[in-house]
Each structure stands twice: as structure tokens, then as C-alpha cells.
Protein backbone atom coordinates (compact mmCIF):
# COMPACT_ATOMS: atom_id res chain seq x y z
CA MET A 1 209.18 172.01 -24.58
CA LYS A 2 208.71 170.74 -28.10
CA ILE A 3 208.26 166.98 -28.59
CA VAL A 4 209.00 165.48 -32.01
CA ASN A 5 208.75 161.91 -33.19
CA ILE A 6 211.76 160.10 -34.62
CA ARG A 7 210.59 160.40 -38.23
CA GLU A 8 210.17 164.16 -37.93
CA ALA A 9 213.55 164.42 -36.17
CA LYS A 10 215.24 162.55 -39.03
CA THR A 11 213.60 164.78 -41.60
CA HIS A 12 214.30 168.09 -39.88
CA LEU A 13 217.40 167.29 -37.81
CA SER A 14 219.48 170.27 -38.98
CA ARG A 15 216.71 172.73 -38.20
CA LEU A 16 216.00 171.12 -34.82
CA VAL A 17 219.69 171.09 -33.83
CA ASP A 18 220.07 174.75 -34.82
CA ALA A 19 217.09 175.62 -32.64
CA ALA A 20 218.49 173.60 -29.73
CA ALA A 21 221.84 175.37 -30.09
CA LYS A 22 219.99 178.68 -29.79
CA GLY A 23 218.43 177.60 -26.49
CA GLU A 24 215.27 175.79 -27.60
CA PRO A 25 215.67 172.19 -26.38
CA PHE A 26 213.41 169.45 -27.68
CA ILE A 27 212.52 165.84 -26.91
CA ILE A 28 212.59 163.00 -29.41
CA ALA A 29 209.85 160.45 -28.82
CA LYS A 30 209.08 157.02 -30.25
CA ALA A 31 205.48 155.94 -30.37
CA GLY A 32 204.62 158.87 -28.12
CA LYS A 33 207.12 157.89 -25.40
CA PRO A 34 209.96 160.35 -24.75
CA LEU A 35 213.41 158.85 -25.44
CA VAL A 36 215.97 161.63 -25.42
CA LYS A 37 216.22 165.32 -24.66
CA VAL A 38 218.36 167.45 -26.99
CA THR A 39 219.84 170.60 -25.49
CA ALA A 40 222.73 172.93 -26.24
CA ILE A 41 226.05 172.13 -24.62
CA GLU A 42 227.21 174.76 -22.17
CA PRO A 43 230.57 176.22 -23.12
CA THR A 44 233.39 174.93 -20.95
CA ALA A 45 235.79 177.20 -19.16
CA PRO A 46 239.09 177.68 -20.97
CA THR A 47 242.14 175.91 -19.64
CA ARG A 48 243.52 177.91 -16.77
CA LEU A 49 246.91 179.42 -17.44
CA GLY A 50 249.58 178.92 -14.82
CA PHE A 51 248.19 175.68 -13.39
CA LEU A 52 251.74 174.27 -13.19
CA LYS A 53 253.16 177.26 -11.37
CA GLY A 54 255.46 176.04 -8.62
CA LYS A 55 255.43 172.44 -9.85
CA GLY A 56 258.77 172.51 -11.66
CA GLN A 57 262.09 174.24 -11.46
CA VAL A 58 263.93 176.28 -14.07
CA PRO A 59 267.68 176.62 -13.49
CA ASP A 60 268.94 180.17 -12.87
CA ASP A 61 271.25 179.92 -15.89
CA PHE A 62 268.54 178.56 -18.19
CA ASP A 63 268.93 181.33 -20.77
CA HIS A 64 272.68 180.76 -20.92
CA MET A 65 272.92 176.97 -20.44
CA ALA A 66 275.50 175.40 -22.72
CA ALA A 67 276.11 178.72 -24.50
CA ASP A 68 279.81 177.93 -24.96
CA GLU A 69 279.04 174.47 -26.28
CA ILE A 70 276.43 175.78 -28.70
CA THR A 71 278.79 178.45 -29.98
CA ALA A 72 281.53 175.83 -30.39
CA ALA A 73 279.17 173.54 -32.27
CA PHE A 74 278.29 176.31 -34.72
CA ALA A 75 281.98 177.07 -35.15
CA GLY A 76 282.62 173.41 -36.00
CA GLU A 77 284.61 172.68 -32.85
CA ALA A 78 284.14 169.32 -31.15
CA PRO A 79 283.68 169.42 -27.36
CA SER A 80 286.43 167.94 -25.20
CA PRO A 81 285.65 164.71 -23.28
CA GLU A 82 285.46 166.70 -20.02
CA ASP A 83 282.91 169.07 -21.55
CA ASP A 84 280.96 166.10 -22.89
CA VAL A 85 280.68 164.59 -19.38
CA GLU A 86 279.50 167.93 -17.98
CA LEU A 87 276.90 168.26 -20.74
CA ARG A 88 275.57 164.77 -20.06
CA TYR A 89 275.26 165.59 -16.36
CA ARG A 90 273.33 168.79 -17.19
CA ASP A 91 271.13 166.88 -19.62
CA LEU A 92 270.41 164.25 -16.96
CA ALA A 93 269.44 166.94 -14.45
CA ALA A 94 267.17 168.58 -17.04
CA ILE A 95 265.54 165.24 -17.88
CA ARG A 96 264.88 164.55 -14.20
CA SER A 97 263.29 167.99 -13.83
CA LEU A 98 261.11 167.39 -16.90
CA ARG A 99 260.03 163.98 -15.59
CA ALA A 100 259.03 165.53 -12.25
CA THR A 101 257.02 168.17 -14.09
CA ALA A 102 255.38 165.50 -16.27
CA LYS A 103 254.39 163.50 -13.17
CA ALA A 104 252.92 166.62 -11.58
CA THR A 105 250.99 167.36 -14.76
CA ALA A 106 249.70 163.80 -14.98
CA SER A 107 248.49 163.89 -11.36
CA LEU A 108 246.61 167.14 -12.05
CA THR A 109 244.79 165.75 -15.07
CA ARG A 110 243.54 162.60 -13.36
């Protein structure tokens, strides 16, 4: 393994780093004493897809949730108070589901 002094490392750092990235590690020394070893970083595995599978729930009517309300909103119709209460309840249930998923995610990343 190649040993270079600090002055040479400063002068030729780009060339030395390129060589290390290609698999030729080197050691930087000061006054003949090795200080650090420079090597290429191994590529990390990509984030695994599907790591949250089974950790959250998607309602069966997810694709059609609030379809009537959305259509009414685009038509310029205001929802009735009863509809508004139902929407808030659905929103609350969705928020709780998202919070549970967020907690599961946080526990996996710790």
C-alpha cells in the first residue's frame, strides 16, 4: 500500500483520491508515522421497497372516498352540516391511520 506524506497528499489530492476510488487505497503519514488510511467507500444497498408492507391500513373505499363531496365542491355546492361532520370523522380516521404509519416508520429507522 502506498504511503504519502501530508505535503505530497495536499499537492496531489485529486489524483490520490481518484486512485483510491478505483481501488488503490493509500496512507497519509506525518513525519513518517501513519495517520490515516484513505479507501473507497463501498456502495450501500438501495432502500428496500415494501419495508412498510403490513404496517398501515388503506380503507377499501380509498379510491372513491369523498367522491360525492369532491364533485360537489367542483360544482360549487357547499356540503350540508351532516356531510361536514361525516367528512371530519373520515379525516380523523385517516389522520389516525397516518400517525400509526408514521410511528411504525420511525421505529424502523431507529
